[in-house]
N, C-alpha and C. Protein backbone atom coordinates (compact mmCIF):
# COMPACT_ATOMS: atom_id res chain seq x y z
N MET A 1 0.72 -0.96 0.02
CA MET A 1 -0.01 0.04 -0.12
C MET A 1 0.81 1.57 0.03
N ARG A 2 0.45 2.39 -0.68
CA ARG A 2 0.98 3.23 -0.83
C ARG A 2 0.35 4.30 -0.18
N VAL A 3 0.68 5.16 1.12
CA VAL A 3 -0.21 5.97 1.82
C VAL A 3 -0.29 7.62 0.85
N ARG A 4 -1.31 7.92 0.62
CA ARG A 4 -1.64 8.94 -0.24
C ARG A 4 -2.01 10.05 0.95
N GLN A 5 -2.76 10.15 2.01
CA GLN A 5 -2.96 11.12 2.79
C GLN A 5 -3.05 10.45 4.51
N VAL A 6 -2.77 11.08 5.37
CA VAL A 6 -3.03 10.72 6.46
C VAL A 6 -4.51 11.51 7.02
N LEU A 7 -5.11 10.59 7.32
CA LEU A 7 -6.60 11.04 7.57
C LEU A 7 -6.77 11.75 9.30
N GLN A 8 -6.28 10.63 10.04
CA GLN A 8 -6.16 10.95 11.43
C GLN A 8 -5.10 10.36 11.84
N SER A 9 -4.56 11.34 13.48
CA SER A 9 -3.74 10.61 13.82
C SER A 9 -3.79 10.91 15.43
N HIS A 10 -3.36 10.06 16.21
CA HIS A 10 -3.81 10.50 17.57
C HIS A 10 -2.79 10.11 18.70
N SER A 11 -2.42 10.64 19.23
CA SER A 11 -1.51 10.35 20.31
C SER A 11 -2.15 9.61 21.77
N LEU A 12 -1.86 8.47 22.00
CA LEU A 12 -2.57 7.93 23.18
C LEU A 12 -2.28 8.10 24.36
N ILE A 13 -0.94 8.60 24.47
CA ILE A 13 -0.21 9.13 25.88
C ILE A 13 -0.94 10.44 26.49
N GLU A 14 -1.54 11.19 25.18
CA GLU A 14 -2.07 12.68 25.74
C GLU A 14 -3.34 12.36 26.54
N GLU A 15 -3.90 11.22 26.58
CA GLU A 15 -5.10 11.02 27.22
C GLU A 15 -4.88 10.49 28.57
N VAL A 16 -3.63 10.32 28.83
CA VAL A 16 -3.53 9.88 30.42
C VAL A 16 -2.90 11.20 31.13
N PRO A 17 -3.94 11.39 32.37
CA PRO A 17 -3.53 12.60 32.96
C PRO A 17 -1.95 12.43 33.82
N ILE A 18 -1.67 13.59 33.92
CA ILE A 18 -0.41 13.93 34.27
C ILE A 18 0.99 13.38 33.09
N VAL A 19 0.61 11.78 33.21
CA VAL A 19 1.91 11.88 32.13
C VAL A 19 1.79 12.19 30.61
N GLY A 20 0.37 12.46 30.24
CA GLY A 20 0.34 13.44 29.19
C GLY A 20 0.67 14.90 29.03
N SER A 21 0.64 15.59 29.95
CA SER A 21 1.07 16.60 30.23
C SER A 21 2.24 17.07 29.37
N LYS A 22 2.32 18.47 28.98
CA LYS A 22 3.61 18.74 28.54
C LYS A 22 4.60 18.82 28.97
N VAL A 23 4.51 19.00 30.29
CA VAL A 23 5.94 18.78 31.16
C VAL A 23 6.28 17.25 31.13
N MET A 24 5.74 16.26 31.33
CA MET A 24 6.06 15.12 31.26
C MET A 24 6.51 14.46 30.11
N ARG A 25 5.54 14.79 28.82
CA ARG A 25 5.93 14.17 27.61
C ARG A 25 6.77 14.03 27.15
N PRO A 26 8.01 14.68 27.13
CA PRO A 26 8.95 14.19 26.39
C PRO A 26 9.93 13.15 27.40
N LEU A 27 9.90 13.01 28.80
CA LEU A 27 10.39 11.72 29.55
C LEU A 27 9.96 10.33 29.28
N VAL A 28 8.14 10.65 28.98
CA VAL A 28 7.35 9.42 29.13
C VAL A 28 7.89 9.13 27.24
N ASP A 29 7.91 10.16 26.42
CA ASP A 29 8.36 9.47 24.94
C ASP A 29 9.61 8.70 24.89
N ARG A 30 10.43 9.10 25.79
CA ARG A 30 11.73 8.47 25.89
C ARG A 30 11.51 7.18 26.65
N LEU A 31 11.17 6.71 27.69
CA LEU A 31 10.56 5.73 28.72
C LEU A 31 9.99 4.83 27.73
N VAL A 32 8.85 5.29 27.14
CA VAL A 32 7.46 4.35 26.63
C VAL A 32 7.44 4.10 25.13
N GLY A 33 7.93 5.20 24.62
CA GLY A 33 7.45 5.33 23.02
C GLY A 33 6.66 6.35 22.79
N LYS A 34 6.17 6.32 21.72
CA LYS A 34 4.75 7.09 21.28
C LYS A 34 4.06 6.71 20.52
N PRO A 35 3.10 5.69 21.70
CA PRO A 35 2.11 5.01 21.24
C PRO A 35 0.77 5.97 20.47
N GLY A 36 0.35 5.51 19.50
CA GLY A 36 -0.79 6.13 18.79
C GLY A 36 -1.65 5.50 17.88
N TYR A 37 -2.68 6.32 17.20
CA TYR A 37 -3.69 5.68 16.30
C TYR A 37 -3.49 6.44 14.90
N PHE A 38 -3.55 5.90 14.14
CA PHE A 38 -3.68 6.55 12.61
C PHE A 38 -4.28 5.87 11.59
N ARG A 39 -5.19 6.65 10.80
CA ARG A 39 -5.82 6.16 9.78
C ARG A 39 -5.43 6.77 8.52
N PHE A 40 -5.45 5.99 7.62
CA PHE A 40 -4.65 6.60 6.11
C PHE A 40 -5.72 6.22 5.12
N GLN A 41 -5.58 6.82 3.89
CA GLN A 41 -6.34 6.76 2.87
C GLN A 41 -4.97 6.23 1.89
N SER A 42 -5.07 5.10 1.18
CA SER A 42 -4.04 4.56 0.48
C SER A 42 -4.44 4.06 -0.88
N ASP A 43 -3.73 4.13 -1.70
CA ASP A 43 -3.86 3.16 -3.07
C ASP A 43 -3.03 1.77 -2.75
N PHE A 44 -3.50 0.83 -3.39
CA PHE A 44 -2.74 -0.63 -3.23
C PHE A 44 -2.94 -1.09 -4.64
N THR A 45 -1.88 -2.17 -4.83
CA THR A 45 -1.98 -3.21 -5.89
C THR A 45 -1.97 -4.61 -5.25
N LEU A 46 -2.98 -5.29 -5.73
CA LEU A 46 -3.11 -6.61 -5.28
C LEU A 46 -3.20 -7.51 -6.54
N THR A 47 -1.55 -8.83 -6.33
CA THR A 47 -1.54 -9.52 -7.27
C THR A 47 -1.77 -11.03 -6.92
N VAL A 48 -2.63 -11.94 -7.44
CA VAL A 48 -3.06 -13.03 -6.87
C VAL A 48 -2.36 -14.17 -8.13
N HIS A 49 -1.76 -15.01 -7.58
CA HIS A 49 -1.37 -16.18 -8.37
C HIS A 49 -2.23 -17.34 -8.04
N GLN A 50 -2.66 -17.89 -9.23
CA GLN A 50 -3.96 -18.66 -9.11
C GLN A 50 -3.08 -20.29 -9.11
N ASP A 51 -3.76 -21.14 -8.85
CA ASP A 51 -3.37 -22.58 -8.90
C ASP A 51 -2.91 -23.09 -10.32
N ASP A 52 -3.71 -22.54 -11.40
CA ASP A 52 -3.69 -22.92 -12.57
C ASP A 52 -2.48 -22.29 -13.18
N GLY A 53 -1.83 -21.46 -12.76
CA GLY A 53 -0.92 -20.67 -13.37
C GLY A 53 -1.01 -19.15 -13.79
N SER A 54 -2.47 -18.72 -13.95
CA SER A 54 -2.94 -17.59 -14.07
C SER A 54 -2.72 -16.50 -12.85
N VAL A 55 -2.38 -15.44 -13.35
CA VAL A 55 -2.09 -14.14 -12.57
C VAL A 55 -3.21 -12.97 -12.82
N GLU A 56 -3.99 -12.65 -11.33
CA GLU A 56 -4.63 -11.27 -11.66
C GLU A 56 -4.18 -10.34 -10.70
N THR A 57 -4.14 -9.04 -11.23
CA THR A 57 -3.56 -7.95 -10.62
C THR A 57 -4.76 -6.86 -10.48
N VAL A 58 -4.99 -6.35 -9.41
CA VAL A 58 -6.17 -5.56 -9.14
C VAL A 58 -5.61 -4.45 -8.16
N GLU A 59 -6.08 -2.86 -8.80
CA GLU A 59 -5.17 -1.82 -8.25
C GLU A 59 -6.56 -0.84 -7.61
N GLY A 60 -6.52 -0.30 -6.74
CA GLY A 60 -7.51 0.50 -6.18
C GLY A 60 -7.29 1.45 -4.76
N SER A 61 -8.21 1.77 -4.09
CA SER A 61 -8.10 2.62 -3.22
C SER A 61 -8.54 2.12 -1.80
N THR A 62 -8.09 2.55 -0.58
CA THR A 62 -8.46 2.07 0.55
C THR A 62 -8.41 2.63 1.75
N LEU A 63 -9.08 2.45 2.71
CA LEU A 63 -8.76 3.06 4.01
C LEU A 63 -8.04 1.88 5.22
N HIS A 64 -7.44 2.44 5.84
CA HIS A 64 -6.81 1.36 6.72
C HIS A 64 -6.03 2.05 7.94
N GLU A 65 -5.97 1.25 8.81
CA GLU A 65 -5.51 1.88 10.26
C GLU A 65 -4.39 1.34 10.92
N LEU A 66 -3.57 1.92 11.79
CA LEU A 66 -2.59 1.41 12.45
C LEU A 66 -2.74 1.62 13.84
N VAL A 67 -2.56 0.82 14.75
CA VAL A 67 -2.10 1.35 16.00
C VAL A 67 -0.62 0.82 16.31
N ALA A 68 -0.09 1.85 17.09
CA ALA A 68 1.49 1.53 17.14
C ALA A 68 1.17 1.57 18.89
N LEU A 69 1.98 0.54 19.26
CA LEU A 69 2.28 0.73 20.78
C LEU A 69 3.36 0.89 21.53
N SER A 70 4.26 1.17 20.59
CA SER A 70 5.37 1.95 21.22
C SER A 70 6.40 2.49 20.18
């Protein structure tokens, strides 16, 4: 998939009281990482190899999500 556009991104740490504050954020980022949620609009190419030897290729556009926990 080739990301065309980031539709939404959200830091999961920001929702945690105190830990998500601007003062604590740099320290927490170093210790925990930067967990977050992302939604993308992407283009894709899918190639399927059939048992009979034929190959079918489809191209299109899709929404997909990613949750990064570290």
